[in-house]
Amino acid sequence: MTMRRRIATFILTALSSACAHSQQLPPAPQGPEVVSENARSLDSGMVLGEEQLKQTLLKAKAGEGTSALRLSLHYMSLGKQQEARHWRYFSAARGNATAQYNIWFDLKDRNDCRSRLEALAWLKSAALSGQQAAQREIDGFERLAKTCQE
């Protein structure tokens, strides 16, 4: 075996050994610590700090739809559904496609025609704004809501 071949063989062996070593799975993580079996999970990451809340409120009141949606998420995380709903509609009315889609999602499973037709309007608005999930849902939900228009 020539010297070149020995070096090449050595390099290939070392590389394959290193690759095999790096492909080993890490140890399994420890299970989550359960404080209470009846505990409710809250997304505290969505709760704004005092200064953030103040700035976001100013922007939302000035008509910024993204800030209004952010407020909706803040209040939802705090369990304040009325405030969350207000800011979600405020955001949707200002053209925020995510808020429009979220309102559709909230209304879509109701059985009354008024809710279905409102849901369809929000879904169409979200789809026209480029919200891809809304664009995928539009045909199926339009057929469902059509029963209310007949």
Foldseek 3Di string as FASTA:
>chain_A
DDPVVVVVVVVVVVVVVVVVVVPDDDDDDDDDDDPDPPDDDAPCVLADDPVLLVVLVVVVVVQALVSLQSQLSNCVSVVNNVSNLVSLVSSLVSQDLVSLQVQLVVQVPDDDLVSLVSSLVSLVSSVVSPNVVSVVCNVVSVVVSVVVVD
